[in-house]
Amino acid sequence: MTTLDDILNAPAPASEWILAQDCAETGLHPDDIRAEMLRRIREMRDSIQRGLSSDAKSITGMVGWNAKGLWDAPDVLGAPVLKRVQAYAMAVNEENARMGRIVAAPTAGSAGTIPGALIGVADHLGIPDEQLVNPMILAAGIGKAISKRMFISGAAGGCQAEIGSSAAMAAAAIVELMGGTPRAAVHAASMALMNTIGLVCDPVGGYVEVPCVSRNAFYAVHAVSAAQLALAQLESFIPPDEVLGAMASVGRMMPAALRETADGGLAQTPTGLAVTARMEGKKDGEGPGGMIELPLA
């Protein structure tokens, strides 16, 4: 089983080591894997472009205009990479909410984080898609290592398992894109994970829309931040595999109400409950009534 520490100690570039491991396991030719990865990058880019150009509402009407609205708005902070990363991430997740074609990375609910962060940074710097293949292979290797230690679904481990994993994958990919070492890439992933521990999965009405769309925007920036710290040679104080173990442990301890059931968090606010009732065709007052109070111990 490949661990984060294995990737950390791999010869540079880490993506080539991961590719060799995958070829040995699957019997596939490296060129075939690279070609498939480039195809998926282009699918990600297509979903970004569709999302940025559309303000069509999602099935529930809760989202659909956010990515285009941000993309078309003035950059009042003078932070073009920040705006691009956020808009790209939301574009993908709003396409998902419209039932458009996206690449689950590693899940549909977290599909905007990697394209938002990696493609956003690459476009900001004028880096072509062909140079994103190896970083994406590294991202896949990081995701595989994470999945061997914990589930990557919100239903199993909370949103930390989905968005935390995607942010870790994106952070590592950006480090490799910028010429960082395997050690720096894995520490970027570790910092992205450690600062996501405990994040609940609380989709309003059970739909992957609120807070999922904006959460991808926030955690795409989170991934960029982790990469920037690691490229400056900052490291996670807790070793990467121990961080992953801690996240898995927290996921197991998390109440079911906070794991994609829509029985806690934002889903149980008055507005969240009203939306849920409307989606279920209920009249006002017929839905469930108020916040769920969880035991303290």
Protein backbone atom coordinates (compact mmCIF):
# COMPACT_ATOMS: atom_id res chain seq x y z
CA MET A 1 0.00 0.00 0.00
CA THR A 2 1.48 3.33 -1.07
CA THR A 3 1.53 5.89 1.75
CA LEU A 4 2.08 9.64 1.81
CA ASP A 5 5.50 8.97 3.32
CA ASP A 6 6.35 6.71 0.36
CA ILE A 7 5.56 9.55 -2.03
CA LEU A 8 7.49 12.02 0.15
CA ASN A 9 10.60 9.83 -0.14
CA ALA A 10 10.19 9.09 -3.85
CA PRO A 11 12.77 10.31 -6.35
CA ALA A 12 11.84 13.52 -8.15
CA PRO A 13 9.60 14.07 -9.92
CA ALA A 14 7.15 12.21 -7.71
CA SER A 15 4.65 11.90 -10.56
CA GLU A 16 7.03 9.69 -12.54
CA TRP A 17 7.43 7.38 -9.56
CA ILE A 18 3.65 7.21 -9.13
CA LEU A 19 3.23 6.56 -12.86
CA ALA A 20 5.70 3.68 -12.72
CA GLN A 21 3.86 2.20 -9.73
CA ASP A 22 0.53 2.46 -11.54
CA CYS A 23 1.86 0.90 -14.74
CA ALA A 24 3.27 -2.02 -12.77
CA GLU A 25 -0.07 -2.50 -11.05
CA THR A 26 -2.36 -2.12 -14.09
CA GLY A 27 -0.18 -3.23 -16.97
CA LEU A 28 -1.02 -0.04 -18.87
CA HIS A 29 1.56 1.83 -20.95
CA PRO A 30 2.71 5.19 -19.54
CA ASP A 31 1.70 6.97 -22.73
CA ASP A 32 -1.85 5.65 -22.45
CA ILE A 33 -2.14 6.93 -18.89
CA ARG A 34 -0.75 10.33 -19.86
CA ALA A 35 -3.16 10.56 -22.79
CA GLU A 36 -6.11 9.71 -20.56
CA MET A 37 -5.02 12.27 -17.98
CA LEU A 38 -4.78 14.97 -20.65
CA ARG A 39 -8.26 14.05 -21.82
CA ARG A 40 -9.59 14.51 -18.29
CA ILE A 41 -7.82 17.85 -17.95
CA ARG A 42 -9.58 18.98 -21.11
CA GLU A 43 -12.91 17.75 -19.75
CA MET A 44 -12.24 19.82 -16.64
CA ARG A 45 -11.48 22.84 -18.80
CA ASP A 46 -14.69 22.35 -20.78
CA SER A 47 -16.73 22.29 -17.58
CA ILE A 48 -14.99 25.48 -16.44
CA GLN A 49 -15.83 27.28 -19.67
CA ARG A 50 -19.46 26.16 -19.62
CA GLY A 51 -19.81 27.18 -16.00
CA LEU A 52 -18.29 30.62 -16.52
CA SER A 53 -20.58 31.40 -19.44
CA SER A 54 -23.88 30.26 -17.92
CA ASP A 55 -26.14 31.70 -15.27
CA ALA A 56 -28.79 29.01 -15.66
CA LYS A 57 -30.16 27.88 -12.33
CA SER A 58 -29.58 24.44 -10.89
CA ILE A 59 -32.42 21.97 -10.42
CA THR A 60 -33.30 23.44 -7.03
CA GLY A 61 -32.63 27.04 -7.99
CA MET A 62 -30.17 27.53 -5.11
CA VAL A 63 -27.09 28.04 -7.33
CA GLY A 64 -26.15 28.56 -10.95
CA TRP A 65 -25.12 32.21 -11.28
CA ASN A 66 -22.23 32.42 -8.83
CA ALA A 67 -19.29 31.53 -11.09
CA LYS A 68 -20.38 33.81 -13.93
CA GLY A 69 -21.21 36.57 -11.48
CA LEU A 70 -17.73 36.47 -9.94
CA TRP A 71 -16.01 36.10 -13.32
CA ASP A 72 -17.81 39.12 -14.75
CA ALA A 73 -17.35 41.27 -11.63
CA PRO A 74 -14.51 43.83 -11.26
CA ASP A 75 -11.41 42.54 -9.51
CA VAL A 76 -11.74 45.03 -6.67
CA LEU A 77 -8.99 43.41 -4.58
CA GLY A 78 -6.50 43.38 -7.44
CA ALA A 79 -5.96 39.64 -6.92
CA PRO A 80 -6.50 38.04 -10.34
CA VAL A 81 -5.25 34.58 -9.39
CA LEU A 82 -7.58 34.50 -6.38
CA LYS A 83 -10.58 35.49 -8.46
CA ARG A 84 -9.70 33.03 -11.22
CA VAL A 85 -9.21 30.08 -8.86
CA GLN A 86 -12.52 30.74 -7.10
CA ALA A 87 -14.50 31.31 -10.30
CA TYR A 88 -13.09 28.18 -11.96
CA ALA A 89 -13.92 26.04 -8.93
CA MET A 90 -17.50 27.32 -8.70
CA ALA A 91 -17.97 26.94 -12.45
CA VAL A 92 -17.30 23.21 -12.25
CA ASN A 93 -19.55 22.64 -9.27
CA GLU A 94 -22.39 24.66 -10.75
CA GLU A 95 -22.11 22.55 -13.88
CA ASN A 96 -22.42 19.52 -11.61
CA ALA A 97 -25.51 21.06 -9.99
CA ARG A 98 -27.03 21.51 -13.49
CA MET A 99 -26.28 17.84 -14.20
CA GLY A 100 -23.58 18.83 -16.69
CA ARG A 101 -20.51 16.76 -17.47
CA ILE A 102 -17.69 17.08 -14.92
CA VAL A 103 -14.72 15.05 -13.73
CA ALA A 104 -15.15 13.72 -10.19
CA ALA A 105 -11.90 14.65 -8.46
CA PRO A 106 -12.08 12.64 -6.31
CA THR A 107 -15.88 13.09 -5.90
CA ALA A 108 -18.56 15.12 -7.66
CA GLY A 109 -19.08 17.24 -4.55
CA SER A 110 -15.40 18.24 -4.54
CA ALA A 111 -14.95 18.30 -8.32
CA GLY A 112 -14.16 22.01 -8.55
CA THR A 113 -11.19 22.16 -6.20
CA ILE A 114 -8.49 20.60 -8.41
CA PRO A 115 -9.45 22.33 -11.68
CA GLY A 116 -10.02 25.58 -9.80
CA ALA A 117 -6.64 25.50 -8.11
CA LEU A 118 -4.41 23.75 -10.66
CA ILE A 119 -5.88 25.03 -13.92
CA GLY A 120 -6.50 28.42 -12.34
CA VAL A 121 -2.85 28.79 -11.33
CA ALA A 122 -1.66 27.44 -14.69
CA ASP A 123 -3.81 29.90 -16.63
CA HIS A 124 -2.64 32.76 -14.41
CA LEU A 125 0.95 31.86 -15.28
CA GLY A 126 0.33 30.98 -18.94
CA ILE A 127 1.20 27.28 -18.54
CA PRO A 128 -0.35 24.96 -21.20
CA ASP A 129 -2.49 21.93 -20.39
CA GLU A 130 0.19 19.51 -21.55
CA GLN A 131 2.34 20.59 -18.60
CA LEU A 132 -0.46 19.74 -16.18
CA VAL A 133 -0.38 16.01 -16.92
CA ASN A 134 2.39 15.09 -14.47
CA PRO A 135 0.96 17.26 -11.67
CA MET A 136 -2.40 15.55 -12.21
CA ILE A 137 -0.74 12.14 -12.00
CA LEU A 138 0.76 13.19 -8.67
CA ALA A 139 -2.66 14.41 -7.53
CA ALA A 140 -4.09 10.99 -8.39
CA GLY A 141 -1.34 9.28 -6.40
CA ILE A 142 -2.04 11.48 -3.39
CA GLY A 143 -5.75 10.70 -3.67
CA LYS A 144 -5.06 6.99 -3.88
CA ALA A 145 -2.85 7.09 -0.79
CA ILE A 146 -5.58 8.97 1.11
CA SER A 147 -8.27 6.51 0.01
CA LYS A 148 -6.28 3.59 1.40
CA ARG A 149 -6.47 5.08 4.90
CA MET A 150 -9.97 6.57 4.96
CA PHE A 151 -13.16 6.87 2.94
CA ILE A 152 -13.35 9.86 0.62
CA SER A 153 -17.13 10.29 0.69
CA GLY A 154 -18.98 12.85 2.76
CA ALA A 155 -21.41 10.16 3.84
CA ALA A 156 -18.58 8.17 5.39
CA GLY A 157 -16.31 10.88 6.81
CA GLY A 158 -17.88 14.32 6.47
CA CYS A 159 -16.88 17.00 4.00
CA GLN A 160 -13.32 16.80 5.33
CA ALA A 161 -13.05 13.49 3.48
CA GLU A 162 -14.13 15.01 0.17
CA ILE A 163 -12.95 18.60 0.10
CA GLY A 164 -9.96 17.85 2.32
CA SER A 165 -8.82 15.13 -0.07
CA SER A 166 -9.33 17.29 -3.16
CA ALA A 167 -7.49 20.22 -1.56
CA ALA A 168 -4.59 17.95 -0.64
CA MET A 169 -4.44 16.56 -4.17
CA ALA A 170 -4.56 20.06 -5.68
CA ALA A 171 -1.92 21.44 -3.32
CA ALA A 172 0.52 18.66 -4.19
CA ALA A 173 -0.15 19.12 -7.90
CA ILE A 174 0.59 22.84 -7.75
CA VAL A 175 3.89 22.19 -5.97
CA GLU A 176 4.98 19.79 -8.69
CA LEU A 177 3.81 22.21 -11.39
CA MET A 178 6.11 24.84 -9.87
CA GLY A 179 9.09 22.49 -9.70
CA GLY A 180 8.83 21.59 -6.02
CA THR A 181 10.24 18.42 -4.51
CA PRO A 182 8.22 15.32 -3.59
CA ARG A 183 8.77 16.26 0.06
CA ALA A 184 7.31 19.73 -0.50
CA ALA A 185 4.36 18.31 -2.45
CA VAL A 186 3.44 15.86 0.30
CA HIS A 187 3.80 18.49 3.01
CA ALA A 188 1.52 20.76 0.98
CA ALA A 189 -1.03 17.94 0.93
CA SER A 190 -0.57 17.41 4.66
CA MET A 191 -1.13 21.08 5.48
CA ALA A 192 -4.24 21.11 3.31
CA LEU A 193 -5.55 18.06 5.18
CA MET A 194 -4.72 19.21 8.70
CA ASN A 195 -6.57 22.48 8.22
CA THR A 196 -9.68 20.70 6.98
CA ILE A 197 -10.06 18.21 9.85
CA GLY A 198 -13.54 18.22 11.34
CA LEU A 199 -15.37 19.84 8.41
CA VAL A 200 -18.92 18.50 8.31
CA CYS A 201 -21.01 17.56 5.29
CA ASP A 202 -24.32 19.44 5.60
CA PRO A 203 -25.86 19.91 2.13
CA VAL A 204 -29.16 21.78 2.18
CA GLY A 205 -31.92 19.41 1.11
CA GLY A 206 -29.32 16.74 0.44
CA TYR A 207 -28.36 18.44 -2.84
CA VAL A 208 -24.71 19.04 -3.76
CA GLU A 209 -25.25 22.79 -4.06
CA VAL A 210 -25.25 24.72 -0.77
CA PRO A 211 -22.67 25.03 0.71
CA CYS A 212 -20.83 22.80 -1.75
CA VAL A 213 -20.36 25.30 -4.60
CA SER A 214 -18.83 28.05 -2.48
CA ARG A 215 -16.94 25.50 -0.39
CA ASN A 216 -15.06 24.39 -3.49
CA ALA A 217 -14.12 28.01 -4.17
CA PHE A 218 -12.80 28.44 -0.64
CA TYR A 219 -10.86 25.18 -0.60
CA ALA A 220 -9.34 25.74 -4.03
CA VAL A 221 -7.76 28.84 -2.49
CA HIS A 222 -6.91 26.72 0.57
CA ALA A 223 -4.96 24.38 -1.75
CA VAL A 224 -3.07 27.27 -3.32
CA SER A 225 -2.20 28.56 0.15
CA ALA A 226 -0.88 25.15 1.22
CA ALA A 227 1.23 24.93 -1.94
CA GLN A 228 2.66 28.40 -1.39
CA LEU A 229 3.67 27.52 2.17
CA ALA A 230 5.31 24.27 1.07
CA LEU A 231 7.16 25.93 -1.82
CA ALA A 232 8.61 28.30 0.78
CA GLN A 233 9.90 25.13 2.55
CA LEU A 234 7.39 25.27 5.39
CA GLU A 235 6.33 21.82 6.57
CA SER A 236 3.59 20.18 8.57
CA PHE A 237 4.75 19.68 12.17
CA ILE A 238 2.73 16.45 12.36
CA PRO A 239 4.03 13.88 9.83
CA PRO A 240 1.75 13.51 6.78
CA ASP A 241 0.57 9.95 7.44
CA GLU A 242 -0.21 10.87 11.05
CA VAL A 243 -2.30 13.81 9.81
CA LEU A 244 -4.17 11.44 7.55
CA GLY A 245 -4.72 9.02 10.43
CA ALA A 246 -6.09 11.83 12.58
CA MET A 247 -8.53 12.86 9.85
CA ALA A 248 -9.71 9.28 9.44
CA SER A 249 -10.23 9.01 13.20
CA VAL A 250 -12.26 12.23 13.30
CA GLY A 251 -14.38 10.95 10.41
CA ARG A 252 -15.22 7.80 12.34
CA MET A 253 -16.20 9.85 15.40
CA MET A 254 -18.38 12.27 13.45
CA PRO A 255 -22.13 11.90 14.15
CA ALA A 256 -24.25 10.61 11.26
CA ALA A 257 -26.19 13.89 11.31
CA LEU A 258 -23.03 15.64 10.09
CA ARG A 259 -22.20 13.19 7.32
CA GLU A 260 -24.25 14.07 4.23
CA THR A 261 -27.60 13.15 5.75
CA ALA A 262 -28.88 16.78 5.73
CA ASP A 263 -29.82 16.21 9.38
CA GLY A 264 -27.41 18.79 10.81
CA GLY A 265 -25.50 21.98 10.17
CA LEU A 266 -26.69 24.36 7.46
CA ALA A 267 -29.25 21.86 6.25
CA GLN A 268 -31.16 22.23 9.53
CA THR A 269 -31.33 26.03 9.61
CA PRO A 270 -34.81 27.53 9.13
CA THR A 271 -33.95 28.45 5.55
CA GLY A 272 -32.44 25.04 4.89
CA LEU A 273 -35.54 23.32 6.21
CA ALA A 274 -37.83 25.57 4.15
CA VAL A 275 -35.90 24.73 0.98
CA THR A 276 -36.06 21.03 1.81
CA ALA A 277 -39.81 21.20 2.35
CA ARG A 278 -40.30 23.06 -0.91
CA MET A 279 -38.24 20.48 -2.81
CA GLU A 280 -40.39 17.75 -1.27
CA GLY A 281 -43.56 19.56 -2.28
CA LYS A 282 -44.65 20.34 1.27
CA LYS A 283 -46.48 23.45 2.36
CA ASP A 284 -45.10 25.86 4.93
CA GLY A 285 -45.18 24.31 8.37
CA GLU A 286 -45.28 20.71 7.11
CA GLY A 287 -41.54 20.17 7.13
CA PRO A 288 -39.33 19.17 10.07
CA GLY A 289 -39.16 21.78 12.77
CA GLY A 290 -35.89 23.41 13.68
CA MET A 291 -32.33 22.64 14.55
CA ILE A 292 -31.32 19.21 15.80
CA GLU A 293 -29.52 19.37 19.13
CA LEU A 294 -26.71 16.85 19.28
CA PRO A 295 -25.50 15.36 22.57
CA LEU A 296 -22.34 16.91 23.99
CA ALA A 297 -20.76 13.54 24.65
